[in-house]
Amino acid sequence: MVAFLTPSPLLDGVVEFWEDMYFLSGLMSAGADRHELLSRQIEVLGLDPNEVVRTEPGIFVNLHRVCVQCDARAQCEADLNKKTPKNHRNAQAMPNYCPNAATLDMLSSLLSPD
C-alpha cells in the first residue's frame, strides 16, 4: 500500500521558503549592481543587509524584485554616495522616487537596534 502525503501548513511554509531562496539567488546574480545599491540603502538605515536576508528573506526578495525593475538607478547611486549610515532614518528622508521607501522604513522600525 502506498501512503500519500497530506498537505500541511508547515510543509507549505518550507516549500515557500526554498522557492524564495531559489528566486533570491537568481535575482542576486541577474541584478548584482541593484543588489549592491539595495544593500547600501539598507546599511544607510543602520541595518545589516545579511541580517535582513537571514531574518526576512521574503521581504528582501520583494525589495530586490522592485529594485531590479526601478528606472532610477543613477539617481539612487548618486544619492547613496552622499549618505552615511544612520543619517537617513525614515520614509520622509527617503528619496520620493524610491518605490521601496515605505518597506525600508518599516524594516528600519522593526529591526533597528536603536
N, C-alpha and C. Protein backbone atom coordinates (compact mmCIF):
# COMPACT_ATOMS: atom_id res chain seq x y z
N MET A 1 0.84 -1.19 0.00
CA MET A 1 0.00 0.00 0.00
C MET A 1 0.89 1.25 0.00
N VAL A 2 0.52 2.21 -0.80
CA VAL A 2 1.28 3.45 -0.91
C VAL A 2 0.62 4.51 -0.02
N ALA A 3 1.46 5.14 0.79
CA ALA A 3 0.94 6.22 1.65
C ALA A 3 1.11 7.54 0.91
N PHE A 4 0.11 8.36 0.98
CA PHE A 4 0.16 9.67 0.35
C PHE A 4 0.41 10.74 1.40
N LEU A 5 1.25 11.68 1.06
CA LEU A 5 1.49 12.80 1.97
C LEU A 5 0.30 13.74 1.92
N THR A 6 -0.14 14.13 3.07
CA THR A 6 -1.22 15.11 3.12
C THR A 6 -0.61 16.49 3.20
N PRO A 7 -1.21 17.45 2.57
CA PRO A 7 -0.68 18.82 2.64
C PRO A 7 -0.68 19.32 4.09
N SER A 8 0.33 20.08 4.41
CA SER A 8 0.38 20.65 5.75
C SER A 8 0.90 22.08 5.65
N PRO A 9 0.43 22.94 6.56
CA PRO A 9 0.92 24.32 6.55
C PRO A 9 2.43 24.40 6.74
N LEU A 10 2.98 23.51 7.56
CA LEU A 10 4.43 23.51 7.79
C LEU A 10 5.17 23.19 6.51
N LEU A 11 4.74 22.16 5.81
CA LEU A 11 5.38 21.79 4.55
C LEU A 11 5.23 22.91 3.53
N ASP A 12 4.06 23.53 3.47
CA ASP A 12 3.87 24.66 2.55
C ASP A 12 4.85 25.78 2.86
N GLY A 13 5.06 26.07 4.15
CA GLY A 13 6.00 27.13 4.55
C GLY A 13 7.42 26.80 4.16
N VAL A 14 7.82 25.54 4.31
CA VAL A 14 9.17 25.12 3.95
C VAL A 14 9.37 25.23 2.44
N VAL A 15 8.40 24.78 1.68
CA VAL A 15 8.49 24.86 0.22
C VAL A 15 8.56 26.33 -0.22
N GLU A 16 7.71 27.17 0.37
CA GLU A 16 7.73 28.59 0.02
C GLU A 16 9.07 29.23 0.35
N PHE A 17 9.64 28.88 1.51
CA PHE A 17 10.95 29.41 1.90
C PHE A 17 12.00 29.05 0.86
N TRP A 18 12.07 27.78 0.45
CA TRP A 18 13.09 27.37 -0.51
C TRP A 18 12.85 27.94 -1.89
N GLU A 19 11.59 28.12 -2.26
CA GLU A 19 11.30 28.79 -3.53
C GLU A 19 11.81 30.23 -3.48
N ASP A 20 11.59 30.92 -2.34
CA ASP A 20 12.11 32.28 -2.17
C ASP A 20 13.63 32.30 -2.26
N MET A 21 14.29 31.34 -1.64
CA MET A 21 15.75 31.30 -1.66
C MET A 21 16.26 31.06 -3.08
N TYR A 22 15.61 30.17 -3.83
CA TYR A 22 16.00 29.90 -5.21
C TYR A 22 15.80 31.16 -6.05
N PHE A 23 14.65 31.82 -5.89
CA PHE A 23 14.37 33.04 -6.64
C PHE A 23 15.37 34.13 -6.26
N LEU A 24 15.68 34.24 -4.96
CA LEU A 24 16.62 35.24 -4.48
C LEU A 24 18.00 35.02 -5.09
N SER A 25 18.45 33.78 -5.17
CA SER A 25 19.77 33.53 -5.75
C SER A 25 19.80 33.93 -7.22
N GLY A 26 18.70 33.72 -7.94
CA GLY A 26 18.62 34.15 -9.34
C GLY A 26 18.62 35.67 -9.46
N LEU A 27 17.89 36.34 -8.57
CA LEU A 27 17.86 37.80 -8.60
C LEU A 27 19.24 38.38 -8.31
N MET A 28 19.93 37.78 -7.34
CA MET A 28 21.23 38.31 -6.94
C MET A 28 22.20 38.24 -8.11
N SER A 29 22.18 37.16 -8.86
CA SER A 29 23.11 37.07 -9.98
C SER A 29 22.66 37.92 -11.16
N ALA A 30 21.36 38.05 -11.36
CA ALA A 30 20.87 38.82 -12.51
C ALA A 30 20.97 40.32 -12.29
N GLY A 31 20.89 40.77 -11.05
CA GLY A 31 20.91 42.20 -10.78
C GLY A 31 21.93 42.55 -9.73
N ALA A 32 23.17 42.15 -9.95
CA ALA A 32 24.22 42.35 -8.94
C ALA A 32 24.41 43.81 -8.60
N ASP A 33 24.36 44.70 -9.59
CA ASP A 33 24.53 46.12 -9.29
C ASP A 33 23.37 46.65 -8.47
N ARG A 34 22.16 46.16 -8.75
CA ARG A 34 20.99 46.58 -7.99
C ARG A 34 21.05 46.01 -6.57
N HIS A 35 21.57 44.80 -6.44
CA HIS A 35 21.73 44.21 -5.11
C HIS A 35 22.67 45.07 -4.28
N GLU A 36 23.72 45.56 -4.91
CA GLU A 36 24.69 46.41 -4.20
C GLU A 36 24.03 47.71 -3.75
N LEU A 37 23.20 48.31 -4.59
CA LEU A 37 22.50 49.54 -4.22
C LEU A 37 21.52 49.28 -3.08
N LEU A 38 20.79 48.18 -3.15
CA LEU A 38 19.84 47.85 -2.09
C LEU A 38 20.58 47.59 -0.78
N SER A 39 21.69 46.87 -0.84
CA SER A 39 22.48 46.61 0.37
C SER A 39 22.99 47.91 0.98
N ARG A 40 23.46 48.82 0.14
CA ARG A 40 23.93 50.13 0.64
C ARG A 40 22.79 50.90 1.28
N GLN A 41 21.61 50.86 0.66
CA GLN A 41 20.45 51.57 1.22
C GLN A 41 20.09 50.99 2.59
N ILE A 42 20.13 49.68 2.71
CA ILE A 42 19.84 49.03 3.99
C ILE A 42 20.87 49.44 5.04
N GLU A 43 22.14 49.50 4.64
CA GLU A 43 23.19 49.94 5.57
C GLU A 43 22.99 51.39 6.00
N VAL A 44 22.56 52.25 5.07
CA VAL A 44 22.31 53.65 5.40
C VAL A 44 21.25 53.74 6.51
N LEU A 45 20.33 52.80 6.51
CA LEU A 45 19.29 52.78 7.54
C LEU A 45 19.80 52.20 8.87
N GLY A 46 21.08 51.82 8.90
CA GLY A 46 21.66 51.30 10.13
C GLY A 46 21.42 49.81 10.34
N LEU A 47 21.08 49.11 9.26
CA LEU A 47 20.82 47.67 9.35
C LEU A 47 21.89 46.90 8.60
N ASP A 48 22.01 45.63 8.93
CA ASP A 48 22.94 44.73 8.27
C ASP A 48 22.19 43.98 7.16
N PRO A 49 22.56 44.17 5.90
CA PRO A 49 21.84 43.50 4.81
C PRO A 49 21.80 41.98 4.96
N ASN A 50 22.88 41.39 5.45
CA ASN A 50 22.90 39.93 5.63
C ASN A 50 21.89 39.50 6.69
N GLU A 51 21.73 40.31 7.71
CA GLU A 51 20.75 40.01 8.76
C GLU A 51 19.32 40.13 8.22
N VAL A 52 19.10 41.11 7.35
CA VAL A 52 17.78 41.26 6.74
C VAL A 52 17.47 40.04 5.88
N VAL A 53 18.43 39.59 5.10
CA VAL A 53 18.23 38.39 4.27
C VAL A 53 17.95 37.18 5.15
N ARG A 54 18.68 37.07 6.25
CA ARG A 54 18.50 35.91 7.14
C ARG A 54 17.17 35.93 7.87
N THR A 55 16.77 37.09 8.37
CA THR A 55 15.57 37.16 9.21
C THR A 55 14.30 37.43 8.42
N GLU A 56 14.41 38.10 7.29
CA GLU A 56 13.24 38.48 6.49
C GLU A 56 13.48 38.16 5.01
N PRO A 57 13.72 36.89 4.66
CA PRO A 57 14.05 36.58 3.27
C PRO A 57 12.94 36.94 2.28
N GLY A 58 11.69 36.76 2.65
CA GLY A 58 10.59 37.10 1.74
C GLY A 58 10.51 38.58 1.47
N ILE A 59 10.71 39.39 2.51
CA ILE A 59 10.69 40.84 2.33
C ILE A 59 11.88 41.27 1.46
N PHE A 60 13.05 40.66 1.71
CA PHE A 60 14.22 41.02 0.91
C PHE A 60 14.01 40.66 -0.56
N VAL A 61 13.40 39.51 -0.82
CA VAL A 61 13.12 39.12 -2.20
C VAL A 61 12.25 40.18 -2.87
N ASN A 62 11.22 40.63 -2.16
CA ASN A 62 10.34 41.65 -2.74
C ASN A 62 11.06 42.98 -2.93
N LEU A 63 11.88 43.37 -1.95
CA LEU A 63 12.67 44.60 -2.09
C LEU A 63 13.56 44.52 -3.33
N HIS A 64 14.23 43.40 -3.48
CA HIS A 64 15.15 43.24 -4.61
C HIS A 64 14.41 43.21 -5.93
N ARG A 65 13.26 42.55 -5.95
CA ARG A 65 12.45 42.48 -7.18
C ARG A 65 12.08 43.90 -7.63
N VAL A 66 11.66 44.73 -6.68
CA VAL A 66 11.29 46.11 -7.00
C VAL A 66 12.52 46.90 -7.44
N CYS A 67 13.62 46.72 -6.74
CA CYS A 67 14.85 47.46 -7.04
C CYS A 67 15.36 47.13 -8.45
N VAL A 68 15.32 45.87 -8.82
CA VAL A 68 15.81 45.44 -10.13
C VAL A 68 15.00 46.11 -11.25
N GLN A 69 13.73 46.36 -11.00
CA GLN A 69 12.86 46.93 -12.03
C GLN A 69 12.83 48.46 -12.00
N CYS A 70 13.48 49.08 -11.03
CA CYS A 70 13.43 50.54 -10.88
C CYS A 70 14.25 51.23 -11.97
N ASP A 71 13.74 52.35 -12.46
CA ASP A 71 14.42 53.11 -13.51
C ASP A 71 15.33 54.21 -12.98
N ALA A 72 15.41 54.36 -11.66
CA ALA A 72 16.16 55.47 -11.07
C ALA A 72 17.53 55.05 -10.52
N ARG A 73 18.16 54.09 -11.16
CA ARG A 73 19.43 53.56 -10.67
C ARG A 73 20.49 54.65 -10.51
N ALA A 74 20.67 55.47 -11.52
CA ALA A 74 21.72 56.50 -11.47
C ALA A 74 21.44 57.51 -10.36
N GLN A 75 20.20 57.92 -10.23
CA GLN A 75 19.83 58.86 -9.17
C GLN A 75 20.01 58.23 -7.79
N CYS A 76 19.63 56.98 -7.66
CA CYS A 76 19.80 56.25 -6.40
C CYS A 76 21.27 56.17 -6.01
N GLU A 77 22.09 55.80 -6.97
CA GLU A 77 23.53 55.69 -6.71
C GLU A 77 24.13 57.04 -6.31
N ALA A 78 23.74 58.10 -7.00
CA ALA A 78 24.25 59.44 -6.67
C ALA A 78 23.82 59.84 -5.26
N ASP A 79 22.56 59.57 -4.91
CA ASP A 79 22.08 59.89 -3.56
C ASP A 79 22.80 59.08 -2.50
N LEU A 80 23.01 57.80 -2.75
CA LEU A 80 23.69 56.95 -1.78
C LEU A 80 25.14 57.39 -1.57
N ASN A 81 25.77 57.92 -2.62
CA ASN A 81 27.15 58.39 -2.48
C ASN A 81 27.26 59.59 -1.54
N LYS A 82 26.13 60.27 -1.27
CA LYS A 82 26.12 61.42 -0.37
C LYS A 82 25.77 61.05 1.07
N LYS A 83 25.37 59.80 1.31
CA LYS A 83 24.83 59.41 2.61
C LYS A 83 25.77 58.48 3.37
N THR A 84 25.63 58.51 4.67
CA THR A 84 26.36 57.60 5.54
C THR A 84 25.35 56.90 6.44
N PRO A 85 25.69 55.75 7.00
CA PRO A 85 24.73 55.05 7.86
C PRO A 85 24.17 55.94 8.97
N LYS A 86 22.91 55.77 9.19
CA LYS A 86 22.15 56.39 10.27
C LYS A 86 21.91 57.88 10.13
N ASN A 87 22.24 58.51 9.01
CA ASN A 87 21.87 59.92 8.86
C ASN A 87 20.64 60.05 7.96
N HIS A 88 19.97 58.95 7.75
CA HIS A 88 18.90 58.87 6.76
C HIS A 88 17.91 57.81 7.25
N ARG A 89 17.05 58.13 8.24
CA ARG A 89 16.37 57.11 9.00
C ARG A 89 14.89 56.87 8.74
N ASN A 90 14.20 57.67 7.97
CA ASN A 90 12.78 57.41 7.83
C ASN A 90 12.29 57.69 6.41
N ALA A 91 11.03 57.34 6.17
CA ALA A 91 10.48 57.47 4.82
C ALA A 91 10.48 58.91 4.34
N GLN A 92 10.32 59.87 5.27
CA GLN A 92 10.34 61.26 4.87
C GLN A 92 11.72 61.63 4.31
N ALA A 93 12.78 61.03 4.85
CA ALA A 93 14.13 61.31 4.38
C ALA A 93 14.48 60.45 3.16
N MET A 94 13.71 59.39 2.94
CA MET A 94 13.96 58.53 1.79
C MET A 94 13.62 59.30 0.52
N PRO A 95 14.33 59.02 -0.54
CA PRO A 95 14.01 59.70 -1.80
C PRO A 95 12.59 59.37 -2.25
N ASN A 96 11.87 60.37 -2.72
CA ASN A 96 10.49 60.13 -3.13
C ASN A 96 10.39 59.29 -4.39
N TYR A 97 11.48 59.12 -5.12
CA TYR A 97 11.45 58.27 -6.31
C TYR A 97 11.63 56.79 -5.98
N CYS A 98 11.99 56.46 -4.74
CA CYS A 98 12.28 55.07 -4.37
C CYS A 98 10.99 54.30 -4.09
N PRO A 99 10.68 53.30 -4.91
CA PRO A 99 9.45 52.53 -4.69
C PRO A 99 9.54 51.62 -3.46
N ASN A 100 10.74 51.46 -2.90
CA ASN A 100 10.92 50.64 -1.70
C ASN A 100 10.94 51.46 -0.41
N ALA A 101 10.71 52.76 -0.49
CA ALA A 101 10.85 53.63 0.67
C ALA A 101 10.01 53.17 1.86
N ALA A 102 8.74 52.89 1.64
CA ALA A 102 7.86 52.51 2.76
C ALA A 102 8.29 51.18 3.38
N THR A 103 8.67 50.22 2.56
CA THR A 103 9.09 48.92 3.08
C THR A 103 10.40 49.05 3.83
N LEU A 104 11.34 49.83 3.31
CA LEU A 104 12.61 50.03 4.00
C LEU A 104 12.40 50.76 5.32
N ASP A 105 11.48 51.70 5.36
CA ASP A 105 11.18 52.40 6.60
C ASP A 105 10.59 51.43 7.63
N MET A 106 9.69 50.56 7.18
CA MET A 106 9.11 49.56 8.06
C MET A 106 10.18 48.62 8.60
N LEU A 107 11.08 48.17 7.74
CA LEU A 107 12.17 47.30 8.19
C LEU A 107 13.05 48.01 9.21
N SER A 108 13.34 49.25 8.95
CA SER A 108 14.17 50.02 9.87
C SER A 108 13.50 50.11 11.23
N SER A 109 12.20 50.34 11.25
CA SER A 109 11.46 50.41 12.52
C SER A 109 11.46 49.09 13.25
N LEU A 110 11.31 47.99 12.50
CA LEU A 110 11.22 46.66 13.12
C LEU A 110 12.57 46.11 13.57
N LEU A 111 13.60 46.33 12.77
CA LEU A 111 14.87 45.65 13.02
C LEU A 111 15.97 46.54 13.59
N SER A 112 15.74 47.83 13.66
CA SER A 112 16.78 48.73 14.13
C SER A 112 17.14 48.46 15.58
N PRO A 113 18.43 48.37 15.88
CA PRO A 113 18.85 48.11 17.26
C PRO A 113 18.62 49.31 18.18
N ASP A 114 18.34 50.47 17.63
CA ASP A 114 18.13 51.69 18.46
C ASP A 114 16.82 51.64 19.20
